[in-house]
Amino acid sequence: MEEIGSTEYQCPSDVFLQIIKGKCKTTLIVLIKKGRNRFGEMRRTLPTISERMLSRQLDELEKDGIIRRESFPEVPPRVEYFLTPYGETIYPIIREMRKWGYIHLEKQQSV
């Protein structure tokens, strides 16, 4: 059993799952990686997520060191999100998970 802070994990992969669980976090990481890094762009791409939930998920990803938020002193204010170098390391894992998901969906549809 692994302990990080006050949280105990059964195995290290549980830490990964804890970070990416949440409404659309993996999709947000993919969107940011592909250059859709402004709040409004993400909101339009994910119409089923509320602004409050989108903001919360972005805050959590930032707190976990996966993304960074950059504010630009412009009028109107502009904020963009970017993957951190650490966040870049999680992207290949998510890409493989998505591939597996597509394969699984195709398999289920052919049954």
PDB file of N, CA and C in Angstrom:
ATOM      1  N   MET A   1       0.850  -1.173   0.000  1.00  0.00           N
ATOM      2  CA  MET A   1       0.000   0.000   0.000  1.00  0.00           C
ATOM      3  C   MET A   1       0.899   1.241   0.000  1.00  0.00           C
ATOM      4  N   GLU A   2       0.542   2.208  -0.842  1.00  0.00           N
ATOM      5  CA  GLU A   2       1.294   3.456  -0.949  1.00  0.00           C
ATOM      6  C   GLU A   2       0.535   4.562  -0.230  1.00  0.00           C
ATOM      7  N   GLU A   3       1.269   5.455   0.405  1.00  0.00           N
ATOM      8  CA  GLU A   3       0.637   6.586   1.070  1.00  0.00           C
ATOM      9  C   GLU A   3       1.247   7.873   0.543  1.00  0.00           C
ATOM     10  N   ILE A   4       0.389   8.764   0.082  1.00  0.00           N
ATOM     11  CA  ILE A   4       0.816  10.084  -0.377  1.00  0.00           C
ATOM     12  C   ILE A   4      -0.001  11.090   0.406  1.00  0.00           C
ATOM     13  N   GLY A   5       0.684  11.898   1.200  1.00  0.00           N
ATOM     14  CA  GLY A   5      -0.038  12.806   2.081  1.00  0.00           C
ATOM     15  C   GLY A   5      -0.852  11.990   3.059  1.00  0.00           C
ATOM     16  N   SER A   6      -2.136  12.299   3.150  1.00  0.00           N
ATOM     17  CA  SER A   6      -3.003  11.552   4.065  1.00  0.00           C
ATOM     18  C   SER A   6      -3.839  10.509   3.325  1.00  0.00           C
ATOM     19  N   THR A   7      -3.547  10.286   2.041  1.00  0.00           N
ATOM     20  CA  THR A   7      -4.324   9.342   1.243  1.00  0.00           C
ATOM     21  C   THR A   7      -3.534   8.063   1.010  1.00  0.00           C
ATOM     22  N   GLU A   8      -4.194   6.927   1.231  1.00  0.00           N
ATOM     23  CA  GLU A   8      -3.569   5.630   0.975  1.00  0.00           C
ATOM     24  C   GLU A   8      -4.083   5.089  -0.350  1.00  0.00           C
ATOM     25  N   TYR A   9      -3.181   4.514  -1.137  1.00  0.00           N
ATOM     26  CA  TYR A   9      -3.524   3.937  -2.430  1.00  0.00           C
ATOM     27  C   TYR A   9      -3.132   2.468  -2.435  1.00  0.00           C
ATOM     28  N   GLN A  10      -3.981   1.629  -3.032  1.00  0.00           N
ATOM     29  CA  GLN A  10      -3.701   0.199  -3.121  1.00  0.00           C
ATOM     30  C   GLN A  10      -2.515  -0.069  -4.037  1.00  0.00           C
ATOM     31  N   CYS A  11      -2.405   0.720  -5.110  1.00  0.00           N
ATOM     32  CA  CYS A  11      -1.272   0.574  -6.020  1.00  0.00           C
ATOM     33  C   CYS A  11      -1.020   1.917  -6.709  1.00  0.00           C
ATOM     34  N   PRO A  12       0.162   2.116  -7.268  1.00  0.00           N
ATOM     35  CA  PRO A  12       0.491   3.406  -7.878  1.00  0.00           C
ATOM     36  C   PRO A  12      -0.454   3.828  -9.006  1.00  0.00           C
ATOM     37  N   SER A  13      -1.042   2.873  -9.731  1.00  0.00           N
ATOM     38  CA  SER A  13      -1.965   3.268 -10.803  1.00  0.00           C
ATOM     39  C   SER A  13      -3.212   3.957 -10.255  1.00  0.00           C
ATOM     40  N   ASP A  14      -3.533   3.712  -8.985  1.00  0.00           N
ATOM     41  CA  ASP A  14      -4.661   4.408  -8.365  1.00  0.00           C
ATOM     42  C   ASP A  14      -4.407   5.911  -8.292  1.00  0.00           C
ATOM     43  N   VAL A  15      -3.144   6.305  -8.147  1.00  0.00           N
ATOM     44  CA  VAL A  15      -2.796   7.731  -8.114  1.00  0.00           C
ATOM     45  C   VAL A  15      -3.146   8.352  -9.462  1.00  0.00           C
ATOM     46  N   PHE A  16      -2.764   7.680 -10.544  1.00  0.00           N
ATOM     47  CA  PHE A  16      -3.087   8.150 -11.892  1.00  0.00           C
ATOM     48  C   PHE A  16      -4.596   8.297 -12.070  1.00  0.00           C
ATOM     49  N   LEU A  17      -5.332   7.270 -11.667  1.00  0.00           N
ATOM     50  CA  LEU A  17      -6.785   7.300 -11.817  1.00  0.00           C
ATOM     51  C   LEU A  17      -7.409   8.411 -10.984  1.00  0.00           C
ATOM     52  N   GLN A  18      -6.860   8.677  -9.819  1.00  0.00           N
ATOM     53  CA  GLN A  18      -7.363   9.757  -8.972  1.00  0.00           C
ATOM     54  C   GLN A  18      -7.207  11.108  -9.674  1.00  0.00           C
ATOM     55  N   ILE A  19      -6.092  11.296 -10.359  1.00  0.00           N
ATOM     56  CA  ILE A  19      -5.832  12.572 -11.035  1.00  0.00           C
ATOM     57  C   ILE A  19      -6.746  12.766 -12.233  1.00  0.00           C
ATOM     58  N   ILE A  20      -6.987  11.717 -13.021  1.00  0.00           N
ATOM     59  CA  ILE A  20      -7.769  11.908 -14.243  1.00  0.00           C
ATOM     60  C   ILE A  20      -9.266  11.692 -14.061  1.00  0.00           C
ATOM     61  N   LYS A  21      -9.683  11.201 -12.892  1.00  0.00           N
ATOM     62  CA  LYS A  21     -11.120  11.013 -12.721  1.00  0.00           C
ATOM     63  C   LYS A  21     -11.779  12.386 -12.592  1.00  0.00           C
ATOM     64  N   GLY A  22     -12.980  12.450 -13.019  1.00  0.00           N
ATOM     65  CA  GLY A  22     -13.694  13.716 -12.996  1.00  0.00           C
ATOM     66  C   GLY A  22     -14.353  13.940 -14.339  1.00  0.00           C
ATOM     67  N   LYS A  23     -15.210  14.894 -14.378  1.00  0.00           N
ATOM     68  CA  LYS A  23     -15.969  15.158 -15.598  1.00  0.00           C
ATOM     69  C   LYS A  23     -15.062  15.708 -16.685  1.00  0.00           C
ATOM     70  N   CYS A  24     -14.809  14.910 -17.686  1.00  0.00           N
ATOM     71  CA  CYS A  24     -14.113  15.326 -18.917  1.00  0.00           C
ATOM     72  C   CYS A  24     -12.639  15.683 -18.747  1.00  0.00           C
ATOM     73  N   LYS A  25     -11.977  15.274 -17.678  1.00  0.00           N
ATOM     74  CA  LYS A  25     -10.570  15.661 -17.509  1.00  0.00           C
ATOM     75  C   LYS A  25      -9.685  15.144 -18.632  1.00  0.00           C
ATOM     76  N   THR A  26      -9.889  13.892 -19.043  1.00  0.00           N
ATOM     77  CA  THR A  26      -9.046  13.380 -20.125  1.00  0.00           C
ATOM     78  C   THR A  26      -9.324  14.135 -21.418  1.00  0.00           C
ATOM     79  N   THR A  27     -10.581  14.468 -21.665  1.00  0.00           N
ATOM     80  CA  THR A  27     -10.926  15.241 -22.862  1.00  0.00           C
ATOM     81  C   THR A  27     -10.313  16.629 -22.791  1.00  0.00           C
ATOM     82  N   LEU A  28     -10.313  17.245 -21.630  1.00  0.00           N
ATOM     83  CA  LEU A  28      -9.697  18.567 -21.475  1.00  0.00           C
ATOM     84  C   LEU A  28      -8.203  18.509 -21.780  1.00  0.00           C
ATOM     85  N   ILE A  29      -7.543  17.474 -21.305  1.00  0.00           N
ATOM     86  CA  ILE A  29      -6.107  17.324 -21.570  1.00  0.00           C
ATOM     87  C   ILE A  29      -5.866  17.203 -23.075  1.00  0.00           C
ATOM     88  N   VAL A  30      -6.701  16.422 -23.754  1.00  0.00           N
ATOM     89  CA  VAL A  30      -6.566  16.262 -25.210  1.00  0.00           C
ATOM     90  C   VAL A  30      -6.833  17.588 -25.920  1.00  0.00           C
ATOM     91  N   LEU A  31      -7.884  18.299 -25.519  1.00  0.00           N
ATOM     92  CA  LEU A  31      -8.197  19.588 -26.146  1.00  0.00           C
ATOM     93  C   LEU A  31      -7.051  20.579 -25.980  1.00  0.00           C
ATOM     94  N   ILE A  32      -6.499  20.658 -24.785  1.00  0.00           N
ATOM     95  CA  ILE A  32      -5.395  21.588 -24.526  1.00  0.00           C
ATOM     96  C   ILE A  32      -4.178  21.186 -25.348  1.00  0.00           C
ATOM     97  N   LYS A  33      -3.906  19.902 -25.421  1.00  0.00           N
ATOM     98  CA  LYS A  33      -2.782  19.410 -26.218  1.00  0.00           C
ATOM     99  C   LYS A  33      -2.948  19.790 -27.690  1.00  0.00           C
ATOM    100  N   LYS A  34      -4.181  19.742 -28.185  1.00  0.00           N
ATOM    101  CA  LYS A  34      -4.452  20.033 -29.594  1.00  0.00           C
ATOM    102  C   LYS A  34      -4.623  21.523 -29.881  1.00  0.00           C
ATOM    103  N   GLY A  35      -4.434  22.372 -28.868  1.00  0.00           N
ATOM    104  CA  GLY A  35      -4.448  23.807 -29.099  1.00  0.00           C
ATOM    105  C   GLY A  35      -5.739  24.529 -28.775  1.00  0.00           C
ATOM    106  N   ARG A  36      -6.735  23.820 -28.294  1.00  0.00           N
ATOM    107  CA  ARG A  36      -7.959  24.496 -27.845  1.00  0.00           C
ATOM    108  C   ARG A  36      -7.760  24.826 -26.377  1.00  0.00           C
ATOM    109  N   ASN A  37      -7.104  25.937 -26.143  1.00  0.00           N
ATOM    110  CA  ASN A  37      -6.658  26.192 -24.777  1.00  0.00           C
ATOM    111  C   ASN A  37      -7.298  27.407 -24.125  1.00  0.00           C
ATOM    112  N   ARG A  38      -8.372  27.902 -24.684  1.00  0.00           N
ATOM    113  CA  ARG A  38      -9.096  28.987 -24.030  1.00  0.00           C
ATOM    114  C   ARG A  38     -10.404  28.435 -23.469  1.00  0.00           C
ATOM    115  N   PHE A  39     -10.821  29.015 -22.358  1.00  0.00           N
ATOM    116  CA  PHE A  39     -12.001  28.537 -21.642  1.00  0.00           C
ATOM    117  C   PHE A  39     -13.213  28.451 -22.570  1.00  0.00           C
ATOM    118  N   GLY A  40     -13.478  29.519 -23.316  1.00  0.00           N
ATOM    119  CA  GLY A  40     -14.644  29.558 -24.199  1.00  0.00           C
ATOM    120  C   GLY A  40     -14.611  28.481 -25.264  1.00  0.00           C
ATOM    121  N   GLU A  41     -13.435  28.217 -25.814  1.00  0.00           N
ATOM    122  CA  GLU A  41     -13.298  27.161 -26.826  1.00  0.00           C
ATOM    123  C   GLU A  41     -13.642  25.802 -26.225  1.00  0.00           C
ATOM    124  N   MET A  42     -13.126  25.562 -25.024  1.00  0.00           N
ATOM    125  CA  MET A  42     -13.401  24.283 -24.371  1.00  0.00           C
ATOM    126  C   MET A  42     -14.883  24.164 -24.044  1.00  0.00           C
ATOM    127  N   ARG A  43     -15.463  25.249 -23.595  1.00  0.00           N
ATOM    128  CA  ARG A  43     -16.889  25.258 -23.234  1.00  0.00           C
ATOM    129  C   ARG A  43     -17.752  24.942 -24.453  1.00  0.00           C
ATOM    130  N   ARG A  44     -17.422  25.522 -25.605  1.00  0.00           N
ATOM    131  CA  ARG A  44     -18.190  25.252 -26.828  1.00  0.00           C
ATOM    132  C   ARG A  44     -18.002  23.809 -27.303  1.00  0.00           C
ATOM    133  N   THR A  45     -16.814  23.273 -27.104  1.00  0.00           N
ATOM    134  CA  THR A  45     -16.533  21.898 -27.523  1.00  0.00           C
ATOM    135  C   THR A  45     -17.235  20.890 -26.618  1.00  0.00           C
ATOM    136  N   LEU A  46     -17.442  21.256 -25.364  1.00  0.00           N
ATOM    137  CA  LEU A  46     -18.070  20.366 -24.377  1.00  0.00           C
ATOM    138  C   LEU A  46     -19.362  20.998 -23.853  1.00  0.00           C
ATOM    139  N   PRO A  47     -20.413  21.055 -24.663  1.00  0.00           N
ATOM    140  CA  PRO A  47     -21.628  21.763 -24.244  1.00  0.00           C
ATOM    141  C   PRO A  47     -22.358  21.118 -23.067  1.00  0.00           C
ATOM    142  N   THR A  48     -22.054  19.862 -22.755  1.00  0.00           N
ATOM    143  CA  THR A  48     -22.760  19.194 -21.654  1.00  0.00           C
ATOM    144  C   THR A  48     -22.153  19.494 -20.289  1.00  0.00           C
ATOM    145  N   ILE A  49     -21.022  20.174 -20.244  1.00  0.00           N
ATOM    146  CA  ILE A  49     -20.388  20.496 -18.964  1.00  0.00           C
ATOM    147  C   ILE A  49     -20.706  21.955 -18.617  1.00  0.00           C
ATOM    148  N   SER A  50     -21.081  22.192 -17.373  1.00  0.00           N
ATOM    149  CA  SER A  50     -21.398  23.559 -16.950  1.00  0.00           C
ATOM    150  C   SER A  50     -20.108  24.372 -16.811  1.00  0.00           C
ATOM    151  N   GLU A  51     -20.248  25.686 -16.854  1.00  0.00           N
ATOM    152  CA  GLU A  51     -19.077  26.551 -16.676  1.00  0.00           C
ATOM    153  C   GLU A  51     -18.420  26.301 -15.326  1.00  0.00           C
ATOM    154  N   ARG A  52     -19.242  26.117 -14.313  1.00  0.00           N
ATOM    155  CA  ARG A  52     -18.710  25.875 -12.965  1.00  0.00           C
ATOM    156  C   ARG A  52     -17.893  24.580 -12.919  1.00  0.00           C
ATOM    157  N   MET A  53     -18.426  23.511 -13.530  1.00  0.00           N
ATOM    158  CA  MET A  53     -17.727  22.228 -13.524  1.00  0.00           C
ATOM    159  C   MET A  53     -16.452  22.311 -14.361  1.00  0.00           C
ATOM    160  N   LEU A  54     -16.516  22.987 -15.502  1.00  0.00           N
ATOM    161  CA  LEU A  54     -15.329  23.157 -16.337  1.00  0.00           C
ATOM    162  C   LEU A  54     -14.249  23.892 -15.557  1.00  0.00           C
ATOM    163  N   SER A  55     -14.632  24.951 -14.883  1.00  0.00           N
ATOM    164  CA  SER A  55     -13.684  25.722 -14.079  1.00  0.00           C
ATOM    165  C   SER A  55     -13.076  24.861 -12.976  1.00  0.00           C
ATOM    166  N   ARG A  56     -13.897  24.055 -12.328  1.00  0.00           N
ATOM    167  CA  ARG A  56     -13.420  23.180 -11.244  1.00  0.00           C
ATOM    168  C   ARG A  56     -12.418  22.150 -11.775  1.00  0.00           C
ATOM    169  N   GLN A  57     -12.741  21.538 -12.919  1.00  0.00           N
ATOM    170  CA  GLN A  57     -11.853  20.522 -13.481  1.00  0.00           C
ATOM    171  C   GLN A  57     -10.518  21.137 -13.900  1.00  0.00           C
ATOM    172  N   LEU A  58     -10.558  22.327 -14.497  1.00  0.00           N
ATOM    173  CA  LEU A  58      -9.318  23.013 -14.873  1.00  0.00           C
ATOM    174  C   LEU A  58      -8.501  23.365 -13.631  1.00  0.00           C
ATOM    175  N   ASP A  59      -9.171  23.832 -12.576  1.00  0.00           N
ATOM    176  CA  ASP A  59      -8.466  24.149 -11.324  1.00  0.00           C
ATOM    177  C   ASP A  59      -7.781  22.912 -10.749  1.00  0.00           C
ATOM    178  N   GLU A  60      -8.465  21.768 -10.780  1.00  0.00           N
ATOM    179  CA  GLU A  60      -7.880  20.534 -10.244  1.00  0.00           C
ATOM    180  C   GLU A  60      -6.683  20.086 -11.071  1.00  0.00           C
ATOM    181  N   LEU A  61      -6.801  20.178 -12.397  1.00  0.00           N
ATOM    182  CA  LEU A  61      -5.670  19.808 -13.254  1.00  0.00           C
ATOM    183  C   LEU A  61      -4.480  20.735 -13.018  1.00  0.00           C
ATOM    184  N   GLU A  62      -4.770  22.003 -12.773  1.00  0.00           N
ATOM    185  CA  GLU A  62      -3.693  22.954 -12.475  1.00  0.00           C
ATOM    186  C   GLU A  62      -3.057  22.632 -11.123  1.00  0.00           C
ATOM    187  N   LYS A  63      -3.875  22.340 -10.137  1.00  0.00           N
ATOM    188  CA  LYS A  63      -3.371  21.997  -8.798  1.00  0.00           C
ATOM    189  C   LYS A  63      -2.496  20.746  -8.835  1.00  0.00           C
ATOM    190  N   ASP A  64      -2.855  19.796  -9.700  1.00  0.00           N
ATOM    191  CA  ASP A  64      -2.084  18.554  -9.821  1.00  0.00           C
ATOM    192  C   ASP A  64      -0.849  18.703 -10.701  1.00  0.00           C
ATOM    193  N   GLY A  65      -0.641  19.901 -11.243  1.00  0.00           N
ATOM    194  CA  GLY A  65       0.557  20.156 -12.041  1.00  0.00           C
ATOM    195  C   GLY A  65       0.480  19.653 -13.471  1.00  0.00           C
ATOM    196  N   ILE A  66      -0.724  19.329 -13.941  1.00  0.00           N
ATOM    197  CA  ILE A  66      -0.901  18.804 -15.294  1.00  0.00           C
ATOM    198  C   ILE A  66      -0.981  19.945 -16.312  1.00  0.00           C
ATOM    199  N   ILE A  67      -1.641  21.028 -15.930  1.00  0.00           N
ATOM    200  CA  ILE A  67      -1.756  22.191 -16.810  1.00  0.00           C
ATOM    201  C   ILE A  67      -1.301  23.439 -16.069  1.00  0.00           C
ATOM    202  N   ARG A  68      -1.024  24.480 -16.834  1.00  0.00           N
ATOM    203  CA  ARG A  68      -0.759  25.787 -16.225  1.00  0.00           C
ATOM    204  C   ARG A  68      -1.690  26.795 -16.873  1.00  0.00           C
ATOM    205  N   ARG A  69      -2.064  27.773 -16.098  1.00  0.00           N
ATOM    206  CA  ARG A  69      -2.977  28.830 -16.530  1.00  0.00           C
ATOM    207  C   ARG A  69      -2.152  30.082 -16.742  1.00  0.00           C
ATOM    208  N   GLU A  70      -2.335  30.716 -17.890  1.00  0.00           N
ATOM    209  CA  GLU A  70      -1.599  31.945 -18.168  1.00  0.00           C
ATOM    210  C   GLU A  70      -2.588  33.056 -18.493  1.00  0.00           C
ATOM    211  N   SER A  71      -2.492  34.156 -17.733  1.00  0.00           N
ATOM    212  CA  SER A  71      -3.341  35.327 -17.948  1.00  0.00           C
ATOM    213  C   SER A  71      -2.564  36.367 -18.733  1.00  0.00           C
ATOM    214  N   PHE A  72      -3.240  37.000 -19.682  1.00  0.00           N
ATOM    215  CA  PHE A  72      -2.624  38.042 -20.485  1.00  0.00           C
ATOM    216  C   PHE A  72      -3.281  39.373 -20.136  1.00  0.00           C
ATOM    217  N   PRO A  73      -2.473  40.410 -19.889  1.00  0.00           N
ATOM    218  CA  PRO A  73      -3.025  41.714 -19.494  1.00  0.00           C
ATOM    219  C   PRO A  73      -3.594  42.456 -20.709  1.00  0.00           C
ATOM    220  N   GLU A  74      -4.746  42.012 -21.154  1.00  0.00           N
ATOM    221  CA  GLU A  74      -5.406  42.608 -22.310  1.00  0.00           C
ATOM    222  C   GLU A  74      -6.826  42.986 -21.937  1.00  0.00           C
ATOM    223  N   VAL A  75      -7.437  43.778 -22.793  1.00  0.00           N
ATOM    224  CA  VAL A  75      -8.849  44.102 -22.626  1.00  0.00           C
ATOM    225  C   VAL A  75      -9.551  43.639 -23.893  1.00  0.00           C
ATOM    226  N   PRO A  76     -10.490  42.712 -23.806  1.00  0.00           N
ATOM    227  CA  PRO A  76     -10.899  41.988 -22.602  1.00  0.00           C
ATOM    228  C   PRO A  76      -9.812  41.013 -22.153  1.00  0.00           C
ATOM    229  N   PRO A  77      -9.860  40.625 -20.882  1.00  0.00           N
ATOM    230  CA  PRO A  77      -8.838  39.712 -20.355  1.00  0.00           C
ATOM    231  C   PRO A  77      -8.816  38.398 -21.143  1.00  0.00           C
ATOM    232  N   ARG A  78      -7.632  37.856 -21.307  1.00  0.00           N
ATOM    233  CA  ARG A  78      -7.474  36.582 -22.017  1.00  0.00           C
ATOM    234  C   ARG A  78      -6.719  35.623 -21.109  1.00  0.00           C
ATOM    235  N   VAL A  79      -7.244  34.409 -20.993  1.00  0.00           N
ATOM    236  CA  VAL A  79      -6.621  33.351 -20.201  1.00  0.00           C
ATOM    237  C   VAL A  79      -6.478  32.137 -21.107  1.00  0.00           C
ATOM    238  N   GLU A  80      -5.311  31.522 -21.077  1.00  0.00           N
ATOM    239  CA  GLU A  80      -5.081  30.307 -21.845  1.00  0.00           C
ATOM    240  C   GLU A  80      -4.492  29.242 -20.932  1.00  0.00           C
ATOM    241  N   TYR A  81      -4.741  27.999 -21.301  1.00  0.00           N
ATOM    242  CA  TYR A  81      -4.240  26.858 -20.544  1.00  0.00           C
ATOM    243  C   TYR A  81      -3.276  26.070 -21.416  1.00  0.00           C
ATOM    244  N   PHE A  82      -2.225  25.559 -20.801  1.00  0.00           N
ATOM    245  CA  PHE A  82      -1.197  24.801 -21.503  1.00  0.00           C
ATOM    246  C   PHE A  82      -0.837  23.578 -20.674  1.00  0.00           C
ATOM    247  N   LEU A  83      -0.450  22.491 -21.351  1.00  0.00           N
ATOM    248  CA  LEU A  83       0.082  21.348 -20.619  1.00  0.00           C
ATOM    249  C   LEU A  83       1.458  21.721 -20.085  1.00  0.00           C
ATOM    250  N   THR A  84       1.730  21.335 -18.869  1.00  0.00           N
ATOM    251  CA  THR A  84       3.068  21.500 -18.307  1.00  0.00           C
ATOM    252  C   THR A  84       3.946  20.378 -18.871  1.00  0.00           C
ATOM    253  N   PRO A  85       5.257  20.469 -18.708  1.00  0.00           N
ATOM    254  CA  PRO A  85       6.097  19.330 -19.108  1.00  0.00           C
ATOM    255  C   PRO A  85       5.638  18.035 -18.423  1.00  0.00           C
ATOM    256  N   TYR A  86       5.230  18.141 -17.177  1.00  0.00           N
ATOM    257  CA  TYR A  86       4.700  16.980 -16.452  1.00  0.00           C
ATOM    258  C   TYR A  86       3.400  16.496 -17.088  1.00  0.00           C
ATOM    259  N   GLY A  87       2.542  17.429 -17.475  1.00  0.00           N
ATOM    260  CA  GLY A  87       1.290  17.083 -18.141  1.00  0.00           C
ATOM    261  C   GLY A  87       1.514  16.404 -19.481  1.00  0.00           C
ATOM    262  N   GLU A  88       2.584  16.793 -20.163  1.00  0.00           N
ATOM    263  CA  GLU A  88       2.914  16.151 -21.445  1.00  0.00           C
ATOM    264  C   GLU A  88       3.173  14.654 -21.252  1.00  0.00           C
ATOM    265  N   THR A  89       3.654  14.266 -20.071  1.00  0.00           N
ATOM    266  CA  THR A  89       3.946  12.847 -19.832  1.00  0.00           C
ATOM    267  C   THR A  89       2.681  12.013 -19.688  1.00  0.00           C
ATOM    268  N   ILE A  90       1.578  12.638 -19.339  1.00  0.00           N
ATOM    269  CA  ILE A  90       0.326  11.902 -19.159  1.00  0.00           C
ATOM    270  C   ILE A  90      -0.412  11.732 -20.491  1.00  0.00           C
ATOM    271  N   TYR A  91      -0.117  12.606 -21.454  1.00  0.00           N
ATOM    272  CA  TYR A  91      -0.843  12.580 -22.727  1.00  0.00           C
ATOM    273  C   TYR A  91      -0.724  11.243 -23.471  1.00  0.00           C
ATOM    274  N   PRO A  92       0.470  10.649 -23.616  1.00  0.00           N
ATOM    275  CA  PRO A  92       0.548   9.357 -24.324  1.00  0.00           C
ATOM    276  C   PRO A  92      -0.282   8.260 -23.656  1.00  0.00           C
ATOM    277  N   ILE A  93      -0.388   8.309 -22.350  1.00  0.00           N
ATOM    278  CA  ILE A  93      -1.190   7.312 -21.630  1.00  0.00           C
ATOM    279  C   ILE A  93      -2.664   7.495 -21.979  1.00  0.00           C
ATOM    280  N   ILE A  94      -3.110   8.738 -21.989  1.00  0.00           N
ATOM    281  CA  ILE A  94      -4.507   9.028 -22.330  1.00  0.00           C
ATOM    282  C   ILE A  94      -4.787   8.653 -23.780  1.00  0.00           C
ATOM    283  N   ARG A  95      -3.844   8.937 -24.666  1.00  0.00           N
ATOM    284  CA  ARG A  95      -4.013   8.584 -26.080  1.00  0.00           C
ATOM    285  C   ARG A  95      -4.212   7.069 -26.225  1.00  0.00           C
ATOM    286  N   GLU A  96      -3.415   6.283 -25.512  1.00  0.00           N
ATOM    287  CA  GLU A  96      -3.552   4.823 -25.576  1.00  0.00           C
ATOM    288  C   GLU A  96      -4.869   4.360 -24.956  1.00  0.00           C
ATOM    289  N   MET A  97      -5.297   5.016 -23.892  1.00  0.00           N
ATOM    290  CA  MET A  97      -6.585   4.671 -23.282  1.00  0.00           C
ATOM    291  C   MET A  97      -7.724   4.933 -24.261  1.00  0.00           C
ATOM    292  N   ARG A  98      -7.645   6.050 -24.989  1.00  0.00           N
ATOM    293  CA  ARG A  98      -8.673   6.373 -25.979  1.00  0.00           C
ATOM    294  C   ARG A  98      -8.694   5.330 -27.096  1.00  0.00           C
ATOM    295  N   LYS A  99      -7.512   4.923 -27.566  1.00  0.00           N
ATOM    296  CA  LYS A  99      -7.442   3.888 -28.610  1.00  0.00           C
ATOM    297  C   LYS A  99      -8.117   2.611 -28.121  1.00  0.00           C
ATOM    298  N   TRP A 100      -7.791   2.214 -26.906  1.00  0.00           N
ATOM    299  CA  TRP A 100      -8.382   1.008 -26.338  1.00  0.00           C
ATOM    300  C   TRP A 100      -9.900   1.164 -26.247  1.00  0.00           C
ATOM    301  N   GLY A 101     -10.359   2.336 -25.842  1.00  0.00           N
ATOM    302  CA  GLY A 101     -11.794   2.594 -25.744  1.00  0.00           C
ATOM    303  C   GLY A 101     -12.500   2.437 -27.078  1.00  0.00           C
ATOM    304  N   TYR A 102     -11.903   2.977 -28.141  1.00  0.00           N
ATOM    305  CA  TYR A 102     -12.493   2.821 -29.475  1.00  0.00           C
ATOM    306  C   TYR A 102     -12.548   1.349 -29.884  1.00  0.00           C
ATOM    307  N   ILE A 103     -11.472   0.627 -29.647  1.00  0.00           N
ATOM    308  CA  ILE A 103     -11.429  -0.804 -29.979  1.00  0.00           C
ATOM    309  C   ILE A 103     -12.509  -1.558 -29.207  1.00  0.00           C
ATOM    310  N   HIS A 104     -12.631  -1.241 -27.929  1.00  0.00           N
ATOM    311  CA  HIS A 104     -13.631  -1.908 -27.092  1.00  0.00           C
ATOM    312  C   HIS A 104     -15.047  -1.603 -27.584  1.00  0.00           C
ATOM    313  N   LEU A 105     -15.316  -0.347 -27.932  1.00  0.00           N
ATOM    314  CA  LEU A 105     -16.644   0.011 -28.435  1.00  0.00           C
ATOM    315  C   LEU A 105     -16.967  -0.734 -29.727  1.00  0.00           C
ATOM    316  N   GLU A 106     -15.998  -0.808 -30.635  1.00  0.00           N
ATOM    317  CA  GLU A 106     -16.208  -1.544 -31.886  1.00  0.00           C
ATOM    318  C   GLU A 106     -16.481  -3.020 -31.610  1.00  0.00           C
ATOM    319  N   LYS A 107     -15.739  -3.575 -30.675  1.00  0.00           N
ATOM    320  CA  LYS A 107     -15.923  -4.988 -30.317  1.00  0.00           C
ATOM    321  C   LYS A 107     -17.323  -5.212 -29.745  1.00  0.00           C
ATOM    322  N   GLN A 108     -17.768  -4.310 -28.881  1.00  0.00           N
ATOM    323  CA  GLN A 108     -19.088  -4.446 -28.268  1.00  0.00           C
ATOM    324  C   GLN A 108     -20.199  -4.303 -29.303  1.00  0.00           C
ATOM    325  N   GLN A 109     -19.997  -3.430 -30.289  1.00  0.00           N
ATOM    326  CA  GLN A 109     -21.022  -3.221 -31.316  1.00  0.00           C
ATOM    327  C   GLN A 109     -21.124  -4.402 -32.267  1.00  0.00           C
ATOM    328  N   SER A 110     -20.042  -5.163 -32.410  1.00  0.00           N
ATOM    329  CA  SER A 110     -20.064  -6.304 -33.329  1.00  0.00           C
ATOM    330  C   SER A 110     -20.602  -7.570 -32.672  1.00  0.00           C
ATOM    331  N   VAL A 111     -20.858  -7.518 -31.386  1.00  0.00           N
ATOM    332  CA  VAL A 111     -21.360  -8.696 -30.659  1.00  0.00           C
ATOM    333  C   VAL A 111     -22.847  -8.842 -30.872  1.00  0.00           C
TER     334      VAL A 111
END
